[in-house]
Every structure is written in structure tokens, then in C-alpha cells.
Protein backbone atom coordinates (compact mmCIF):
# COMPACT_ATOMS: atom_id res chain seq x y z
CA MET A 1 6.84 27.64 19.06
CA THR A 2 3.73 29.76 19.06
CA GLU A 3 1.29 29.87 21.98
CA ALA A 4 -1.34 28.14 19.82
CA SER A 5 0.96 25.29 18.86
CA GLY A 6 2.03 24.91 22.47
CA ARG A 7 -1.60 24.59 23.56
CA THR A 8 -2.11 21.96 20.84
CA MET A 9 0.87 19.88 21.94
CA PHE A 10 -0.24 19.87 25.58
CA SER A 11 -3.96 19.36 24.85
CA ALA A 12 -5.61 16.07 25.78
CA ASP A 13 -4.69 14.53 22.42
CA GLY A 14 -1.46 16.47 21.94
CA VAL A 15 1.78 14.55 21.71
CA ALA A 16 3.21 16.23 24.85
CA ALA A 17 0.09 15.77 27.01
CA PRO A 18 1.47 12.78 28.98
CA LEU A 19 4.38 14.94 30.22
CA ARG A 20 1.93 16.77 32.44
CA HIS A 21 1.91 13.66 34.66
CA ALA A 22 4.89 13.70 37.03
CA LEU A 23 5.43 9.93 37.17
CA PHE A 24 5.45 9.53 33.41
CA ARG A 25 7.66 12.60 33.01
CA ARG A 26 10.30 11.27 35.44
CA ILE A 27 10.38 7.82 33.87
CA TRP A 28 10.43 9.32 30.38
CA LEU A 29 13.41 11.53 31.13
CA ALA A 30 15.33 8.72 32.80
CA SER A 31 14.58 6.40 29.87
CA LEU A 32 15.85 9.09 27.52
CA LEU A 33 19.21 8.97 29.28
CA SER A 34 19.18 5.18 29.15
CA ASN A 35 18.47 5.31 25.43
CA PHE A 36 21.38 7.70 24.99
CA GLY A 37 23.63 5.15 26.68
CA LEU A 38 22.36 2.33 24.52
CA MET A 39 22.95 4.35 21.34
CA ILE A 40 26.49 5.28 22.43
CA GLN A 41 27.21 1.63 23.23
CA SER A 42 25.84 0.49 19.89
CA VAL A 43 28.12 2.88 18.01
CA GLY A 44 31.10 1.73 20.09
CA ALA A 45 30.30 -1.95 19.50
CA ALA A 46 29.69 -1.59 15.72
CA TRP A 47 32.82 0.47 15.21
CA ALA A 48 34.92 -1.81 17.42
CA MET A 49 33.81 -4.73 15.25
CA THR A 50 34.88 -2.89 12.06
CA GLN A 51 38.32 -2.49 13.63
CA MET A 52 38.60 -6.17 14.55
CA THR A 53 37.34 -7.66 11.30
CA SER A 54 36.64 -6.69 7.69
CA SER A 55 33.71 -9.15 7.41
CA ALA A 56 30.44 -7.41 6.60
CA ASP A 57 28.69 -10.47 8.06
CA LYS A 58 30.18 -9.93 11.55
CA VAL A 59 29.59 -6.18 11.46
CA ALA A 60 25.91 -6.78 10.71
CA LEU A 61 25.81 -9.43 13.49
CA VAL A 62 26.32 -6.69 16.11
CA GLN A 63 22.81 -5.47 15.33
CA THR A 64 21.56 -9.05 15.30
CA ALA A 65 23.13 -9.77 18.71
CA LEU A 66 21.33 -6.77 20.23
CA MET A 67 17.98 -7.51 18.60
CA LEU A 68 17.84 -11.33 18.56
CA PRO A 69 17.15 -11.71 22.31
CA ILE A 70 13.99 -9.64 21.88
CA MET A 71 12.73 -12.17 19.38
CA LEU A 72 13.82 -15.21 21.41
CA ILE A 73 12.68 -14.32 24.93
CA SER A 74 9.98 -11.75 24.32
CA MET A 75 7.03 -14.08 25.05
CA PRO A 76 8.47 -15.33 28.37
CA ALA A 77 9.29 -11.69 29.16
CA GLY A 78 5.74 -10.66 28.34
CA ALA A 79 4.32 -13.46 30.49
CA ILE A 80 6.54 -12.40 33.39
CA ALA A 81 5.39 -8.79 32.93
CA ASP A 82 1.75 -9.89 33.19
CA MET A 83 2.33 -12.30 36.12
CA TYR A 84 4.53 -10.16 38.43
CA ASP A 85 4.91 -6.56 39.53
CA ARG A 86 6.01 -4.74 36.37
CA ARG A 87 8.15 -2.32 38.37
CA VAL A 88 10.15 -5.16 39.93
CA VAL A 89 10.49 -6.92 36.55
CA SER A 90 11.80 -3.68 35.01
CA LEU A 91 14.37 -3.28 37.80
CA MET A 92 15.67 -6.84 37.43
CA ALA A 93 15.90 -6.47 33.65
CA LEU A 94 17.89 -3.26 33.93
CA MET A 95 20.27 -4.95 36.39
CA ILE A 96 20.96 -7.68 33.81
CA ALA A 97 21.74 -5.09 31.14
CA LEU A 98 23.88 -3.08 33.59
CA THR A 99 25.87 -6.20 34.53
CA GLY A 100 26.53 -6.96 30.86
CA ALA A 101 27.59 -3.38 30.09
CA THR A 102 29.88 -3.26 33.10
CA ALA A 103 31.55 -6.58 32.29
CA LEU A 104 32.08 -5.54 28.66
CA THR A 105 33.67 -2.27 29.85
CA VAL A 106 36.11 -4.11 32.12
CA LEU A 107 37.11 -6.64 29.48
CA ALA A 108 37.56 -3.92 26.85
CA ARG A 109 39.64 -1.91 29.29
CA PHE A 110 42.14 -4.80 29.56
CA GLY A 111 42.08 -5.55 25.83
CA LEU A 112 40.38 -8.93 26.18
CA VAL A 113 37.50 -8.34 23.76
CA THR A 114 37.31 -10.51 20.62
CA PRO A 115 34.54 -10.43 18.02
CA GLU A 116 32.91 -13.42 19.68
CA ILE A 117 33.07 -11.86 23.18
CA LEU A 118 31.72 -8.59 21.86
CA LEU A 119 28.74 -10.36 20.29
CA ALA A 120 28.17 -12.38 23.47
CA PHE A 121 27.94 -9.29 25.70
CA CYS A 122 25.80 -7.47 23.16
CA PHE A 123 23.47 -10.46 23.47
CA VAL A 124 23.47 -10.16 27.28
CA ILE A 125 22.65 -6.44 27.10
CA GLY A 126 19.98 -7.19 24.49
CA SER A 127 18.52 -9.87 26.78
CA GLY A 128 18.16 -7.40 29.63
CA MET A 129 16.43 -4.93 27.37
CA ALA A 130 14.22 -7.68 25.95
CA LEU A 131 13.01 -8.50 29.47
CA PHE A 132 12.58 -4.79 30.25
CA GLY A 133 10.59 -3.84 27.14
CA PRO A 134 7.21 -5.59 27.77
CA ALA A 135 7.06 -4.60 31.46
CA TRP A 136 7.94 -1.00 30.67
CA GLN A 137 5.54 -0.63 27.75
CA ALA A 138 2.67 -2.39 29.48
CA SER A 139 3.11 -0.15 32.55
CA VAL A 140 2.62 3.00 30.45
CA SER A 141 -1.15 2.59 30.77
CA GLU A 142 -0.71 2.80 34.57
CA GLN A 143 1.24 6.07 34.30
CA VAL A 144 -1.20 8.12 32.17
CA PRO A 145 -4.97 8.36 31.60
CA ALA A 146 -6.46 6.28 28.79
CA GLU A 147 -7.05 9.28 26.51
CA THR A 148 -3.34 10.15 26.47
CA LEU A 149 -2.07 6.56 25.91
CA PRO A 150 -1.43 6.98 22.12
CA SER A 151 0.55 10.14 22.84
CA ALA A 152 2.51 8.33 25.55
CA VAL A 153 3.38 5.56 23.09
CA ALA A 154 4.53 8.19 20.59
CA LEU A 155 6.59 9.98 23.28
CA ASN A 156 8.37 6.77 24.14
CA GLY A 157 9.25 6.44 20.49
CA ILE A 158 10.40 10.04 20.47
CA SER A 159 12.61 9.34 23.52
CA TYR A 160 14.36 6.54 21.69
CA ASN A 161 14.77 8.58 18.55
CA ILE A 162 15.96 11.74 20.26
CA ALA A 163 18.71 9.53 21.60
CA ARG A 164 19.14 8.04 18.14
CA SER A 165 19.42 11.53 16.68
CA PHE A 166 22.17 12.75 18.96
CA GLY A 167 23.47 9.62 20.68
CA PRO A 168 25.26 8.20 17.65
CA ALA A 169 26.95 11.52 16.94
CA ILE A 170 28.03 11.69 20.61
CA GLY A 171 29.01 8.04 20.40
CA GLY A 172 31.08 8.75 17.33
CA ILE A 173 32.90 11.58 19.12
CA VAL A 174 33.39 9.41 22.23
CA VAL A 175 34.80 6.53 20.19
CA ALA A 176 37.03 8.83 18.12
CA THR A 177 38.46 10.61 21.14
CA ALA A 178 38.41 8.01 23.95
CA GLY A 179 37.84 4.67 22.31
CA ALA A 180 35.16 1.98 22.55
CA VAL A 181 35.86 1.46 26.27
CA ALA A 182 34.48 4.91 27.07
CA ALA A 183 31.34 4.19 25.01
CA PHE A 184 30.73 0.94 26.93
CA ALA A 185 31.28 2.74 30.28
CA ALA A 186 28.87 5.53 29.35
CA ASN A 187 26.15 2.98 28.65
CA ALA A 188 26.65 1.40 32.08
CA VAL A 189 26.50 4.77 33.91
CA LEU A 190 23.40 5.97 32.04
CA TYR A 191 21.34 2.97 33.24
CA LEU A 192 21.52 4.34 36.82
CA PRO A 193 18.93 7.18 36.58
CA LEU A 194 16.22 4.86 35.26
CA LEU A 195 17.05 2.31 37.98
CA ILE A 196 16.65 5.02 40.65
CA VAL A 197 13.37 6.40 39.27
CA LEU A 198 11.81 2.93 39.03
CA PHE A 199 13.06 2.05 42.52
CA LEU A 200 11.31 5.14 43.93
CA TRP A 201 8.02 4.47 42.04
CA ARG A 202 5.36 3.33 44.50
CA ARG A 203 3.27 1.35 42.05
CA GLN A 204 -0.27 0.54 43.18
CA SER A 205 -0.94 -3.05 42.12
CA GLU A 206 -4.30 -4.76 42.43
CA PRO A 207 -3.96 -8.28 43.86
CA SER A 208 -5.45 -10.94 41.63
CA ARG A 209 -8.54 -12.69 42.94
CA LEU A 210 -7.26 -15.94 41.40
CA PRO A 211 -3.90 -17.71 41.81
CA ARG A 212 -1.11 -16.71 39.42
CA GLU A 213 -0.63 -18.83 36.28
CA ARG A 214 2.54 -20.85 35.92
CA LEU A 215 5.03 -19.42 33.44
CA ASN A 216 4.58 -22.10 30.80
CA ARG A 217 0.76 -21.82 30.97
CA ALA A 218 1.01 -18.02 30.87
CA ILE A 219 3.10 -18.21 27.67
CA VAL A 220 0.57 -20.63 26.15
CA SER A 221 -2.26 -18.27 27.13
CA GLY A 222 -0.51 -15.36 25.42
CA VAL A 223 0.19 -17.31 22.23
CA ARG A 224 -3.40 -18.57 22.18
CA TYR A 225 -4.78 -15.04 22.60
CA ILE A 226 -2.67 -13.72 19.72
CA ALA A 227 -3.44 -16.69 17.47
CA ASN A 228 -7.18 -16.06 17.93
CA SER A 229 -6.97 -12.27 17.47
CA PRO A 230 -7.06 -11.57 13.70
CA SER A 231 -6.29 -7.85 14.08
CA ILE A 232 -3.18 -8.46 16.18
CA ARG A 233 -1.99 -11.26 13.87
CA ILE A 234 -2.19 -8.92 10.87
CA VAL A 235 -0.29 -6.12 12.67
CA LEU A 236 2.46 -8.55 13.71
CA ALA A 237 2.80 -9.96 10.20
CA ARG A 238 3.12 -6.51 8.68
CA THR A 239 5.58 -5.51 11.42
CA LEU A 240 7.79 -8.53 10.70
CA ALA A 241 7.76 -7.85 6.96
CA THR A 242 8.64 -4.19 7.48
CA GLY A 243 11.48 -5.09 9.84
CA ILE A 244 12.99 -7.61 7.38
CA ALA A 245 12.77 -5.31 4.37
CA GLY A 246 13.91 -2.14 6.16
CA GLY A 247 16.50 -3.67 8.51
CA SER A 248 19.20 -3.04 5.94
CA VAL A 249 19.50 0.64 6.96
CA SER A 250 20.61 0.08 10.55
CA ALA A 251 22.54 -3.12 9.80
CA LEU A 252 24.64 -1.73 6.95
CA MET A 253 25.07 1.83 8.23
CA PRO A 254 28.71 1.30 9.33
CA LEU A 255 29.50 0.02 5.84
CA VAL A 256 27.63 2.91 4.23
CA ALA A 257 29.79 5.33 6.24
CA ARG A 258 33.02 3.45 5.55
CA ASP A 259 32.62 2.17 1.98
CA LEU A 260 30.11 4.50 0.26
CA LEU A 261 30.93 7.78 2.04
CA HIS A 262 34.58 6.94 2.86
CA GLY A 263 34.18 8.32 6.39
CA GLY A 264 35.04 7.32 9.93
CA ALA A 265 33.32 6.88 13.27
CA GLN A 266 32.08 10.47 13.30
CA THR A 267 30.51 10.09 9.87
CA TYR A 268 28.83 6.90 11.04
CA GLY A 269 27.46 8.68 14.10
CA ILE A 270 26.18 11.62 12.05
CA MET A 271 24.40 9.34 9.60
CA LEU A 272 22.69 7.45 12.42
CA GLY A 273 21.84 10.79 13.97
CA ALA A 274 20.18 11.89 10.74
CA PHE A 275 18.04 8.74 10.76
CA GLY A 276 17.10 9.35 14.40
CA MET A 277 16.27 13.02 13.74
CA GLY A 278 13.91 11.89 11.00
CA ALA A 279 12.32 9.45 13.43
CA VAL A 280 11.56 12.29 15.85
CA ILE A 281 9.88 14.20 13.03
CA GLY A 282 7.83 11.10 12.20
CA ALA A 283 6.80 10.61 15.86
CA LEU A 284 5.65 14.23 16.16
CA ASN A 285 3.30 13.70 13.19
CA ILE A 286 1.68 10.45 14.35
CA GLY A 287 -1.46 12.24 15.52
CA MET A 288 -1.91 14.02 12.22
CA ALA A 289 -1.38 10.81 10.26
CA ARG A 290 -3.96 8.94 12.39
CA LYS A 291 -6.55 11.70 11.81
CA ARG A 292 -6.07 12.11 8.07
CA LEU A 293 -5.26 8.62 6.84
CA SER A 294 -6.36 5.08 7.57
CA ALA A 295 -3.82 2.71 9.12
CA GLU A 296 -3.45 0.84 5.80
CA ALA A 297 -2.92 4.00 3.76
CA SER A 298 -0.34 5.27 6.29
CA VAL A 299 1.66 2.02 6.29
CA ARG A 300 1.62 1.75 2.49
CA GLY A 301 2.78 5.35 2.10
CA CYS A 302 5.58 4.80 4.63
CA ALA A 303 6.82 1.69 2.82
CA LEU A 304 6.90 3.42 -0.60
CA ILE A 305 8.66 6.52 0.74
CA MET A 306 11.20 4.42 2.62
CA GLY A 307 11.90 2.40 -0.54
CA VAL A 308 12.77 5.66 -2.33
CA ALA A 309 14.98 6.78 0.56
CA ILE A 310 16.93 3.50 0.68
CA ALA A 311 17.52 3.64 -3.06
CA VAL A 312 18.95 7.16 -2.69
CA ILE A 313 21.24 5.98 0.14
CA ALA A 314 22.49 3.17 -2.13
CA ILE A 315 23.49 5.37 -5.06
CA SER A 316 24.63 8.45 -3.19
CA ASN A 317 28.31 9.27 -2.55
CA SER A 318 27.50 12.63 -0.88
CA PRO A 319 27.16 12.76 2.93
CA VAL A 320 24.63 15.59 2.58
CA ILE A 321 22.33 13.70 0.20
CA THR A 322 22.71 10.49 2.22
CA ALA A 323 21.85 12.33 5.47
CA ALA A 324 18.77 13.92 3.83
CA ALA A 325 17.60 10.49 2.63
CA LEU A 326 18.17 9.07 6.13
CA VAL A 327 16.03 11.83 7.68
CA LEU A 328 13.22 10.85 5.28
CA ALA A 329 13.73 7.13 5.94
CA GLY A 330 13.76 7.68 9.70
CA SER A 331 10.54 9.67 9.71
CA VAL A 332 8.49 7.10 7.79
CA TRP A 333 10.12 4.18 9.65
CA MET A 334 9.14 5.65 13.03
CA LEU A 335 5.66 6.47 11.80
CA ALA A 336 5.04 2.92 10.61
CA VAL A 337 6.48 1.28 13.76
CA ALA A 338 4.48 3.61 16.02
CA LEU A 339 1.28 2.82 14.18
CA PHE A 340 1.97 -0.91 14.63
CA ASN A 341 2.72 -0.35 18.34
CA ILE A 342 -0.40 1.75 18.97
CA GLY A 343 -2.52 -0.85 17.20
CA VAL A 344 -1.31 -3.56 19.56
CA GLN A 345 -1.47 -1.35 22.71
CA LEU A 346 -5.10 -0.38 22.06
CA SER A 347 -6.22 -3.88 21.01
CA ALA A 348 -4.91 -5.95 23.92
CA PRO A 349 -6.78 -6.17 27.28
CA ARG A 350 -4.78 -5.58 30.44
CA TRP A 351 -4.44 -9.26 31.42
CA VAL A 352 -2.44 -10.00 28.27
CA ALA A 353 -0.97 -6.58 27.52
CA GLY A 354 2.62 -7.56 28.32
CA ARG A 355 2.50 -10.66 26.16
CA SER A 356 0.90 -8.82 23.23
CA LEU A 357 3.53 -6.09 23.38
CA ALA A 358 6.19 -8.76 23.70
CA ALA A 359 4.91 -10.34 20.50
CA PHE A 360 5.12 -6.92 18.81
CA GLN A 361 8.68 -6.52 20.04
CA ALA A 362 9.51 -9.99 18.76
CA ALA A 363 8.08 -9.13 15.37
CA ILE A 364 9.97 -5.89 14.89
CA ALA A 365 13.21 -7.11 16.50
CA GLY A 366 12.99 -10.46 14.78
CA GLY A 367 12.43 -8.77 11.45
CA ILE A 368 15.44 -6.49 11.99
CA ALA A 369 17.60 -9.39 13.27
CA ILE A 370 16.70 -11.68 10.36
CA GLY A 371 17.02 -8.80 7.94
CA SER A 372 20.41 -7.75 9.36
CA TRP A 373 21.75 -11.27 9.02
CA GLY A 374 20.37 -11.61 5.49
CA TRP A 375 21.52 -8.18 4.30
CA GLY A 376 24.98 -8.86 5.71
CA HIS A 377 25.22 -12.08 3.69
CA ILE A 378 23.89 -10.40 0.55
CA THR A 379 26.43 -7.57 1.01
CA ASP A 380 29.29 -10.08 1.18
CA GLN A 381 28.09 -11.46 -2.17
CA VAL A 382 27.09 -8.36 -4.18
CA GLY A 383 28.34 -5.32 -2.23
CA VAL A 384 26.72 -2.59 -0.13
CA GLU A 385 25.12 -0.65 -2.98
CA SER A 386 23.41 -3.65 -4.57
CA ALA A 387 22.21 -4.98 -1.20
CA LEU A 388 20.56 -1.63 -0.41
CA LEU A 389 18.91 -1.53 -3.87
CA ILE A 390 17.47 -4.99 -3.23
CA SER A 391 16.19 -3.78 0.14
CA ALA A 392 14.57 -0.77 -1.58
CA ALA A 393 12.80 -3.12 -4.02
CA ALA A 394 11.55 -5.21 -1.09
CA MET A 395 10.13 -2.11 0.61
CA PHE A 396 8.41 -1.13 -2.66
CA ALA A 397 6.83 -4.59 -2.85
CA SER A 398 5.73 -4.79 0.81
CA PRO A 399 2.47 -2.77 0.35
CA LEU A 400 1.21 -5.73 -1.74
CA LEU A 401 0.75 -7.55 1.58
CA GLY A 402 -2.18 -5.20 2.18
CA LEU A 403 -4.15 -7.12 -0.46
CA TRP A 404 -4.26 -10.13 1.91
CA LEU A 405 -3.36 -8.61 5.28
CA LYS A 406 -5.12 -5.25 5.41
CA MET A 407 -4.26 -3.20 8.46
CA PRO A 408 -7.24 -3.13 10.87
CA PRO A 409 -8.68 0.27 11.88
CA VAL A 410 -7.34 1.50 15.22
CA GLY A 411 -10.10 2.58 17.56
CA SER A 412 -10.23 3.38 21.26
CA ARG A 413 -8.46 1.44 23.94
CA THR A 414 -9.82 -2.03 24.78
CA GLU A 415 -11.50 -1.84 28.19
CA ASP A 416 -11.78 -4.69 30.68
CA ALA A 417 -15.28 -5.75 31.66
CA ASP A 418 -16.65 -6.07 35.17
CA VAL A 419 -15.88 -9.20 37.18
CA LEU A 420 -18.62 -11.82 36.90
CA ALA A 421 -20.33 -13.67 39.71
CA ASP A 422 -19.04 -17.20 40.15
CA PRO A 423 -21.30 -20.05 38.97
CA GLU A 424 -23.13 -22.26 41.43
CA VAL A 425 -21.08 -25.30 42.46
CA GLN A 426 -22.35 -28.39 44.28
CA LEU A 427 -19.42 -30.76 43.62
CA LEU A 428 -16.20 -30.76 45.61
CA LEU A 429 -13.68 -29.04 43.32
CA THR A 430 -10.10 -27.92 43.55
CA GLY A 431 -8.33 -25.43 41.33
CA ARG A 432 -6.86 -28.30 39.30
CA SER A 433 -10.14 -30.18 38.81
CA GLY A 434 -10.89 -30.63 35.14
CA PRO A 435 -11.23 -30.57 32.26
CA LEU A 436 -14.44 -28.56 32.44
CA VAL A 437 -16.98 -28.91 29.67
CA VAL A 438 -19.42 -26.06 29.09
CA GLU A 439 -22.59 -26.50 27.02
CA ILE A 440 -24.88 -23.54 26.20
CA GLU A 441 -28.23 -24.15 24.56
CA TYR A 442 -29.83 -21.46 22.40
CA ARG A 443 -33.23 -21.58 20.75
CA VAL A 444 -33.05 -19.58 17.50
CA ASP A 445 -35.65 -18.75 14.89
CA GLN A 446 -34.87 -20.74 11.73
CA GLU A 447 -35.02 -17.51 9.65
CA GLN A 448 -32.13 -16.20 11.80
CA ALA A 449 -29.99 -19.32 11.52
CA ARG A 450 -27.35 -17.88 9.15
CA ALA A 451 -27.00 -14.61 11.07
CA PHE A 452 -26.70 -16.50 14.38
CA HIS A 453 -24.07 -18.82 12.92
CA ASN A 454 -22.02 -15.86 11.67
CA VAL A 455 -22.07 -14.23 15.12
CA MET A 456 -21.00 -17.53 16.70
CA GLN A 457 -17.85 -17.58 14.56
CA ASP A 458 -16.75 -14.41 16.35
CA VAL A 459 -17.85 -15.90 19.68
CA GLN A 460 -15.57 -18.87 18.92
CA LEU A 461 -12.53 -16.62 18.59
CA SER A 462 -13.49 -14.78 21.78
CA ARG A 463 -13.80 -18.02 23.81
CA GLN A 464 -10.58 -19.47 22.39
CA ARG A 465 -8.38 -16.42 22.90
CA ASN A 466 -9.48 -16.24 26.55
CA GLY A 467 -8.64 -19.83 27.33
CA ALA A 468 -11.21 -22.26 25.91
CA TYR A 469 -10.41 -25.12 23.53
CA GLY A 470 -12.34 -27.74 21.58
CA TRP A 471 -15.05 -25.23 20.68
CA SER A 472 -17.99 -26.36 18.52
CA ILE A 473 -21.47 -25.29 17.54
CA ALA A 474 -24.11 -27.93 16.72
CA ARG A 475 -27.73 -27.85 15.52
CA ASP A 476 -30.28 -30.44 16.58
CA ILE A 477 -31.52 -32.37 13.51
CA ALA A 478 -34.85 -33.21 15.21
CA ASP A 479 -35.40 -29.69 16.58
CA PRO A 480 -33.83 -27.18 14.11
CA GLU A 481 -34.37 -24.26 16.46
CA LEU A 482 -32.08 -25.82 19.10
CA TRP A 483 -28.36 -24.95 18.91
CA THR A 484 -25.65 -26.13 21.33
CA GLU A 485 -22.38 -24.31 21.86
CA ARG A 486 -19.75 -26.50 23.51
CA TYR A 487 -16.19 -25.85 24.66
CA HIS A 488 -13.61 -27.07 27.16
CA CYS A 489 -11.37 -25.43 29.77
CA PRO A 490 -8.35 -27.35 31.17
CA THR A 491 -9.17 -26.83 34.86
CA TRP A 492 -11.66 -25.13 37.16
CA LEU A 493 -9.30 -22.21 37.71
CA ASP A 494 -8.78 -21.88 33.96
CA TYR A 495 -12.54 -21.68 33.55
CA LEU A 496 -12.82 -18.91 36.15
CA ARG A 497 -10.05 -17.02 34.38
CA GLN A 498 -11.72 -17.53 30.99
CA ARG A 499 -15.05 -16.12 32.26
CA ASN A 500 -13.43 -12.95 33.54
CA ARG A 501 -10.97 -12.18 30.77
CA SER A 502 -13.60 -10.89 28.39
CA THR A 503 -13.46 -7.22 27.42
CA GLN A 504 -16.48 -4.97 27.22
CA ALA A 505 -16.58 -5.50 23.44
CA GLU A 506 -16.53 -9.29 23.90
CA ARG A 507 -19.31 -9.13 26.49
CA ALA A 508 -21.34 -7.13 23.97
CA LEU A 509 -20.62 -9.82 21.38
CA HIS A 510 -21.81 -12.55 23.74
CA GLN A 511 -24.96 -10.53 24.40
CA ARG A 512 -25.57 -10.31 20.63
CA ALA A 513 -25.51 -14.09 20.50
CA MET A 514 -27.91 -14.41 23.44
CA ASP A 515 -30.28 -11.88 21.89
CA PHE A 516 -31.08 -14.48 19.20
CA HIS A 517 -32.60 -16.76 21.88
CA LEU A 518 -36.34 -17.33 21.63
CA GLY A 519 -39.03 -18.38 24.06
CA PRO A 520 -39.89 -17.80 27.70
CA ASP A 521 -37.22 -20.17 29.05
CA PRO A 522 -33.74 -18.73 29.63
CA ILE A 523 -30.63 -19.95 27.85
CA ARG A 524 -29.58 -23.20 29.43
CA VAL A 525 -25.94 -23.54 30.59
CA ARG A 526 -24.39 -26.82 31.71
CA ARG A 527 -20.93 -26.91 33.35
CA MET A 528 -19.65 -30.45 33.67
CA LEU A 529 -16.56 -32.13 35.05
CA GLU A 530 -15.23 -34.36 32.29
CA ARG A 531 -13.19 -36.60 34.61
CA PRO A 532 -15.38 -36.81 37.72
CA PHE A 533 -13.65 -39.76 39.46
CA GLY A 534 -12.61 -37.55 42.41
CA SER A 535 -16.24 -36.66 43.08
CA VAL A 536 -17.62 -40.23 43.16
CA ARG A 537 -18.23 -42.26 46.39
CA TRP A 538 -16.30 -45.47 45.90
CA LYS A 539 -17.96 -47.20 48.86
CA ASP A 540 -21.48 -47.04 50.25
CA ASP A 541 -20.21 -45.89 53.66
CA THR A 542 -17.97 -43.15 52.27
CA PRO A 543 -19.27 -39.66 53.26
CA ASP A 544 -20.59 -37.71 50.31
CA ARG A 545 -18.87 -34.31 50.33
CA ALA A 546 -20.36 -33.20 47.01
CA GLY A 547 -22.27 -30.39 48.66
CA ALA A 548 -19.10 -28.56 49.69
CA GLU A 549 -18.11 -25.63 47.50
CA VAL A 550 -14.34 -25.35 46.94
CA VAL A 551 -12.18 -22.51 45.63
CA PRO A 552 -14.47 -19.84 47.10
CA VAL A 553 -14.12 -16.57 45.20
CA SER A 554 -16.02 -13.40 45.90
CA SER A 555 -19.03 -13.00 43.62
CA VAL A 556 -19.17 -9.59 41.96
CA GLY A 557 -21.17 -8.26 39.06
CA GLY A 558 -23.69 -10.02 36.86
CA SER A 559 -23.76 -13.61 35.73
CA THR A 560 -23.21 -14.90 32.23
CA THR A 561 -21.88 -18.02 30.55
């Protein structure tokens, strides 16, 4: 490496810049070892399954068992990551994975593992990693400055793929020389460094000024945010499609090594290593791709190139040609997945970062899990070569999704806005009082009606993703300049959360709407309790406590709707 290239890598936007921060560097190195263990365990599990059964379906199910938990529990995992200390959540998740890996090692040592037991413990290990993923990824923004966050995301991908480059080859050697038991034991041991580093991390957490949401409400909040965020919805849809179409490579790799290349465990490990090596190359070029190409052009190019690579893998009988194709496939696969990940990381505000990243994990893992299951069934029907050719055709066709679901441009990181002052309250309220109805009256020049209405469509999405429901905009038929925005929040606490979840960009959007207001009088805001029976005096001699203000919260910053 030249001095100039070294300076570029460690510059503010260089891929290695986050490694200058000691905390990130320690966690990154420990996670690298953990990823090595997971790769070695995956090779051991996949090869052990090929020794226990000749069914392509069950061999592919090993990958499904590891990935399916990410799809099934990712949203609860993301909610937990947003609700609790992410360091503690990460530690508990790693303990679950460590317990599963240790139990699998013991059972394998005594020869008690069957295909069903193997799949069950792969599912347990996958569940631990599914819980770990959102907390770990969402905490990256706490370990590095905002300007190095994309590089940190890329480095985490590089960590996984360095392990994928060399871990499978090591796993193949371990399995060939010491058996699957040694591979399972290595995975258990290599969780320990990451557990130690996270245990020693003294994370500075800011206590919330409002009570924590319940888990079910937090999950609903996350789903609602994603459902009302068009850019995140598009990224997740493209991620799912890419995972389904391209999942054939990892799912069928044991069969490629055994049936197409007529090799053993070492051949399988080398082929997976080639794919991982390509992924490292792809991760190192993420910055260049983001500078030179739009997100849509990058994703389309990756899909087309990967389609070519999968087709070559299908028709090749040469380990050298297959390995070269896997290097190419790995590089564009990593590039596409990293672009999806960065898009979600930079689009989600902090309060919902864990849930947004969990949805991303669910999309990619769900796509791979569904694809693995589907490609395994297709392979049983038509063979490995034909299944891979069908997968290549699907990858070729996937850029057509861009005609309807064009990748959004990836800008700078979404920044949280300042905390707002609490509204004036004269009724006795508790945190569960509600529903709250909010009405906002605007007076708009009739010549600006269409422009105002268009802006309010974006305001609707903003209100809804932050917790409002039942949103509407109405125009007075007797006074055409008068417009009334109306929405609901389930409770008083939900309303306080909704007011303070807005990002700086959303606050600017709300200000654009208010700038349409005419006249000397300010915008009128009404906040009403829809079910006010608890605030009514039922008898003439009952004391009226309506003047008491409940749920006192410190008032900071400016006031808005």
C-alpha cells in the first residue's frame, strides 16, 4: 500500500477511518473473531448434514434454519434494541447463541445429533444472532462520529466477509481433520472475545424523558414508521427481491462442491472463501460506487453482474473458473447489500434505528431463507445446474423492479430535532388519557391551494410514521381560505412522543406548511381529549381538579404543533 492510498483509507471518508476510534476498533476485532466462529460452524453444520442425508432440501434447510429467525424475530429484536440498553441486549443475545453452540457441541460429541436436532440448534444460534444484530448495528452510531458512519457500516460488512473469505476454508480443514464437533466447539469459544469487549464497554446512555413503550406498542410504532416511509419501503422491497433471487449461491454451495466440482469439505470451504473474498473487494469499493453512480444504477449493475456470475457457476466444472465467478458474485452481492444497509442506516432517526435495521435484516435474511428453501426444492426437481440457471435468470430480471421501485438517493444521516416545549394543559391528565385529537387551522391563499395540499401529503406521512392515526385535511366550503388538519394519538404520552420524534427534515417540512398561513392571527391549534369522562364533575359538590397539570415534563426548545 502506498502512503497516498493509506492516507485515503484513513481520511474522514476513507473506509478505514472508523478504526481510529478505540471502542469501535475493539468491538470490530472481537466481532471479526465471532464471525470466524459462525462461518466455521456453518461449514460444519452444512457438511454434517450432507453426511447424514442425501436430500438437497435438508442441506439447503441448514441455511434456512440460520437465517429464518432473523426474519421471524427481527422486529421484536429491533424494538428491544430501541427500548433497552443496546449493550445489555447484545450481551444477552450472545449468551443465547453461546448456549446453543455449546449444547450442539456436547450432543455432537456423544453422537446424538440427527438432522432435526442439527436444524433445531442452528435455529437457536440464529435466534441469538437475530436478537444481537439490531442492537449491534444501531449502536455503531454511538461508537463513531456521524461522518464516518457509512465507512463503519462498510467495515462491519468487511468483518463478516473477511471471515467468510477464510473462515470456510478453515472450517473445511477443521471438519476434514477433526470432524464437525471441533467446528461447533470453535464457534462457541470464539463468542467469548466479543462478550468480554461488550461487557467492558461503559456505554453512556441518555435517560428518556418519557416512560418506555411496551414491547407490543414499540413493535407497532416501528411497523408504522416503516409503512409510512416510502424510501425505506423501497429499499426493503429491493433487498427482499435480491435475497430471494441470489440466495441460491449460499444455499446450494455444498451441492456445487459435491455434485458439480466433485470435491469434499475442503473444496466447499475454498468456494465459500472465494465468495467471501469477493465480498471484501466489494466492500472496499463502496465509497467509490457511491461517488460515481446513483444508488439505482449501482443496484442494477450489481444484479446484472451477479446474474452472469451465477450462470458461470452453473455451467462450470472447473474449480478455478467457479472460484473466479464466486469472487465476482461476492463482490457485487456485498456492494448491493451494503448500499441497502447504508440507505436504511442514514434514513432512520435514532428513536427507531433498531427497528428499521431489524426490518432490513428481516428483508435480507427472509429473502435468503425463502430463496434457500425454494432453490432446494427446485434442485430436487431439476438438478443443481438448472436451479442455478433459473436463479441467474431471476437476477437478470430483478432490475426491472426499478421501473416501479426506484432506489431513493442516499444523502446525509437523518438528524434528530431539538426537544419541543410541552403544550399548555388545564385538564387533569394521566399518561393513558386519550385518545387525543389535534386540529390545526391554516388560512391559505386560494392561489396556493394546490401547492399547500401537495405539501400536506408529505406532512401526513410525517405525522403517521411518528405515531398519529386518522389523519385528514379538510377545506371549509363557506370560507375557502380555511383549512383544517386533524389527527389522533392513542394517549397523552403517545402524543408527547409523536411531537418529539420529528427529525430536522420533518420540522422543516412542517415549517413549509406553516409558511402558507396568511393573516395577522397565528395558526390555531386545538388539542382535545376525545373521551373526557374522567375530567367531568359528576356531582355539583365534587371538587373540580381540572386546573392541575399532570405528567409534568421539562419544557425545552421551541413550541410547534
